[in-house]
């Protein structure tokens, strides 16, 4: 079954289950070039009375440049069974390989030419509203710190307005 437009105001994804166990891809770019990466961190809700999605990207990631240079991004949640795509997109860099071709993903476009994948169970298309770097001096719980150090720099949070949704 192909993805079709859905009303994001009534879409009720199981956020805690999905972003703890399933495979989600963050994608940004345009018709000429785009990149995708596996994510495990995502927040959905309302901020400033707007439906929003917040994702997190380290500056070292190739996707970071796409997030910085484009106004839209997408979150594509793949079926639980598609671990291979999550593995490739989470361990290989788009600087070195074409991950979309390598994984056999079918590229589609949403608002703002935002790229997403037809293999997803559901997709959110977001327009960036806000970006801010996470800051070690703001950490209130020591458990947060084990995500940093040798693994790389502090993430930048990108909050986008959910402007479209697609579901099976």
Protein backbone atom coordinates (compact mmCIF):
# COMPACT_ATOMS: atom_id res chain seq x y z
CA UNK A 1 0.00 0.00 0.00
CA UNK A 2 1.36 3.41 -0.97
CA UNK A 3 1.49 6.37 1.37
CA UNK A 4 -1.38 8.82 1.08
CA UNK A 5 -2.00 12.25 2.63
CA UNK A 6 -3.33 12.17 6.19
CA UNK A 7 -4.70 14.79 8.55
CA UNK A 8 -1.83 15.38 10.96
CA UNK A 9 -4.29 16.86 13.45
CA UNK A 10 -5.84 13.42 13.91
CA UNK A 11 -2.81 11.19 13.20
CA UNK A 12 -1.91 9.47 16.47
CA UNK A 13 1.47 7.76 16.14
CA UNK A 14 2.73 5.81 19.12
CA UNK A 15 5.61 8.20 19.71
CA UNK A 16 7.23 6.54 22.72
CA UNK A 17 7.17 3.09 21.13
CA UNK A 18 8.27 4.27 17.70
CA UNK A 19 11.25 6.33 18.74
CA UNK A 20 12.39 3.73 21.22
CA UNK A 21 12.24 0.67 19.00
CA UNK A 22 11.39 1.45 15.37
CA UNK A 23 13.47 2.88 12.57
CA UNK A 24 12.98 6.55 11.76
CA UNK A 25 14.79 8.50 9.07
CA UNK A 26 15.39 12.24 9.18
CA UNK A 27 15.76 13.62 5.66
CA UNK A 28 16.51 17.09 4.30
CA UNK A 29 17.43 18.47 0.92
CA UNK A 30 15.84 19.39 -2.40
CA UNK A 31 15.30 17.98 -5.90
CA UNK A 32 19.02 18.16 -6.68
CA UNK A 33 20.49 16.58 -3.56
CA UNK A 34 19.34 15.28 -0.20
CA UNK A 35 20.56 13.14 2.67
CA UNK A 36 18.94 10.92 5.24
CA UNK A 37 20.03 9.56 8.61
CA UNK A 38 18.58 7.23 11.22
CA UNK A 39 17.27 8.99 14.33
CA UNK A 40 16.16 7.74 17.71
CA UNK A 41 15.40 11.12 19.25
CA UNK A 42 12.26 13.00 18.27
CA UNK A 43 9.57 14.99 20.03
CA UNK A 44 6.06 15.70 18.83
CA UNK A 45 3.53 18.06 20.32
CA UNK A 46 2.42 21.66 20.35
CA UNK A 47 4.62 24.69 20.87
CA UNK A 48 3.53 28.29 20.36
CA UNK A 49 0.05 26.83 19.61
CA UNK A 50 1.56 25.13 16.54
CA UNK A 51 1.82 21.36 15.91
CA UNK A 52 5.56 20.68 15.93
CA UNK A 53 8.22 18.02 15.57
CA UNK A 54 11.69 18.47 17.09
CA UNK A 55 14.69 16.49 15.89
CA UNK A 56 18.34 16.55 16.94
CA UNK A 57 21.47 16.49 14.76
CA UNK A 58 25.15 16.67 15.66
CA UNK A 59 27.25 19.17 13.66
CA UNK A 60 29.55 16.32 12.58
CA UNK A 61 26.76 14.58 10.68
CA UNK A 62 26.49 15.11 6.92
CA UNK A 63 22.75 15.74 7.34
CA UNK A 64 23.55 18.79 9.51
CA UNK A 65 24.50 20.87 6.45
CA UNK A 66 21.20 19.94 4.79
CA UNK A 67 19.25 20.87 7.92
CA UNK A 68 21.04 24.21 8.03
CA UNK A 69 20.54 25.06 4.36
CA UNK A 70 16.94 23.92 3.78
CA UNK A 71 13.65 25.16 5.22
CA UNK A 72 11.93 21.76 5.34
CA UNK A 73 12.74 18.34 6.76
CA UNK A 74 10.88 15.05 7.05
CA UNK A 75 10.65 12.20 9.53
CA UNK A 76 9.84 8.86 7.87
CA UNK A 77 9.01 6.01 10.25
CA UNK A 78 9.85 2.68 8.65
CA UNK A 79 8.33 -0.68 9.53
CA UNK A 80 9.89 -2.42 12.52
CA UNK A 81 11.09 -5.17 10.17
CA UNK A 82 13.26 -2.78 8.13
CA UNK A 83 16.34 -2.91 10.36
CA UNK A 84 18.76 -3.06 7.41
CA UNK A 85 17.81 0.42 6.18
CA UNK A 86 18.16 1.81 9.69
CA UNK A 87 21.56 0.13 10.00
CA UNK A 88 22.90 1.55 6.73
CA UNK A 89 21.44 5.04 7.25
CA UNK A 90 22.70 5.14 10.84
CA UNK A 91 26.25 3.91 10.24
CA UNK A 92 27.18 5.08 6.73
CA UNK A 93 27.73 8.68 5.68
CA UNK A 94 26.05 10.28 2.69
CA UNK A 95 29.48 11.79 2.01
CA UNK A 96 30.65 8.31 1.02
CA UNK A 97 27.63 6.50 -0.44
CA UNK A 98 24.17 7.19 -1.82
CA UNK A 99 22.20 5.71 1.08
CA UNK A 100 18.86 6.09 -0.69
CA UNK A 101 20.04 4.05 -3.68
CA UNK A 102 21.93 1.58 -1.46
CA UNK A 103 18.75 0.86 0.54
CA UNK A 104 16.43 0.81 -2.48
CA UNK A 105 14.22 3.55 -1.05
CA UNK A 106 11.54 5.22 -3.18
CA UNK A 107 11.94 8.99 -2.96
CA UNK A 108 8.84 11.18 -2.82
CA UNK A 109 8.40 14.90 -2.23
CA UNK A 110 6.20 16.85 0.12
CA UNK A 111 5.73 20.54 0.85
CA UNK A 112 8.77 22.63 0.04
CA UNK A 113 10.10 19.72 -2.07
CA UNK A 114 10.95 17.97 1.21
CA UNK A 115 12.16 14.42 0.46
CA UNK A 116 10.62 11.37 2.15
CA UNK A 117 10.22 7.64 1.47
CA UNK A 118 7.26 5.64 0.23
CA UNK A 119 8.40 2.60 2.24
CA UNK A 120 7.54 4.42 5.50
CA UNK A 121 4.55 3.56 7.68
CA UNK A 122 4.00 7.25 8.27
CA UNK A 123 5.76 10.52 7.47
CA UNK A 124 5.75 14.04 8.86
CA UNK A 125 6.78 16.96 6.64
CA UNK A 126 8.00 19.91 8.69
CA UNK A 127 8.94 23.54 8.02
CA UNK A 128 11.72 24.78 10.30
CA UNK A 129 10.66 27.30 12.92
CA UNK A 130 13.52 27.27 15.39
CA UNK A 131 17.02 25.88 15.91
CA UNK A 132 19.16 25.92 19.02
CA UNK A 133 22.28 24.12 20.17
CA UNK A 134 21.99 21.94 23.25
CA UNK A 135 24.30 23.22 26.00
CA UNK A 136 26.18 21.16 28.58
CA UNK A 137 25.82 23.96 31.16
CA UNK A 138 22.04 23.44 31.07
CA UNK A 139 22.14 19.73 31.92
CA UNK A 140 20.30 19.01 35.19
CA UNK A 141 20.65 15.23 35.24
CA UNK A 142 23.97 13.39 34.88
CA UNK A 143 22.39 10.60 32.79
CA UNK A 144 22.32 13.01 29.85
CA UNK A 145 26.11 13.31 29.75
CA UNK A 146 26.77 9.70 28.65
CA UNK A 147 25.45 10.66 25.18
CA UNK A 148 28.43 12.95 24.65
CA UNK A 149 32.22 12.97 24.73
CA UNK A 150 33.97 10.57 22.35
CA UNK A 151 30.76 10.20 20.34
CA UNK A 152 30.91 13.79 19.08
CA UNK A 153 29.65 17.28 19.76
CA UNK A 154 26.41 18.50 21.23
CA UNK A 155 23.30 18.21 19.10
CA UNK A 156 21.40 21.09 17.55
CA UNK A 157 17.64 20.92 18.10
CA UNK A 158 15.46 21.76 15.09
CA UNK A 159 11.80 22.44 15.75
CA UNK A 160 9.57 22.39 12.70
CA UNK A 161 5.90 23.02 12.14
CA UNK A 162 4.19 19.86 10.94
CA UNK A 163 2.67 20.95 7.62
CA UNK A 164 1.84 17.58 6.07
CA UNK A 165 1.50 13.95 7.12
CA UNK A 166 1.35 10.74 5.11
CA UNK A 167 0.30 7.29 6.26
CA UNK A 168 -0.42 3.83 4.83
